[in-house]
Amino acid sequence: MIKKAIVIGIIILFIVGYVVYEQRIKQQDAVMIPSVLTPTSAPATASSPVNGRYKDGTYNGPVTDAFYGNIQVAVVISGGKITDVQFLQFPNDTAHSVEVSNQSLPQLKQEAITAQSAQVDIVSGATQTSQAFMQSLQSALQQAKS
């Protein structure tokens, strides 16, 4: 009987410790996210077509599920080309999602600017994040073509 009580007590302590640990991680997440990933608000705007692939302006993609959270991007077109990709939403509610976002989002952003499209390589270890990024960006680019 005493052994049972000790085992139950250890399990309860483990659960309480885990909950406290997760709460501390969540508090640190806001500090860990670099400013390049900080969500911004970018209104959808557009100007007349330029001699480029896309119309100049800022276009918001839809919110897309990335398993660990949502991704939403805004693409900035200048001179008919992709000049910036802003992250309006991205997974950042757990230590793991922050780590994945910190690793993958700058890489995806740079690849999209280099490729001038949403067709970018999937980042190893961030498959769902990469796919959600491509979906949101592709939709935003469709708006820039219209």
Foldseek 3Di string as FASTA:
>chain_A
DVVVVVVVVVVVVVVVVVVVVFVVQQVCLVVLADPQQPADDFDFDFDDDAPAQFTATKFKFDWFDLPLGTWIWIFGADNRFTDWIHTNDARGRGPVRSVLCNPPVVVQGVQCRVVRALPGDQDPPRNSVSVNSSRRRRRRRVVRND
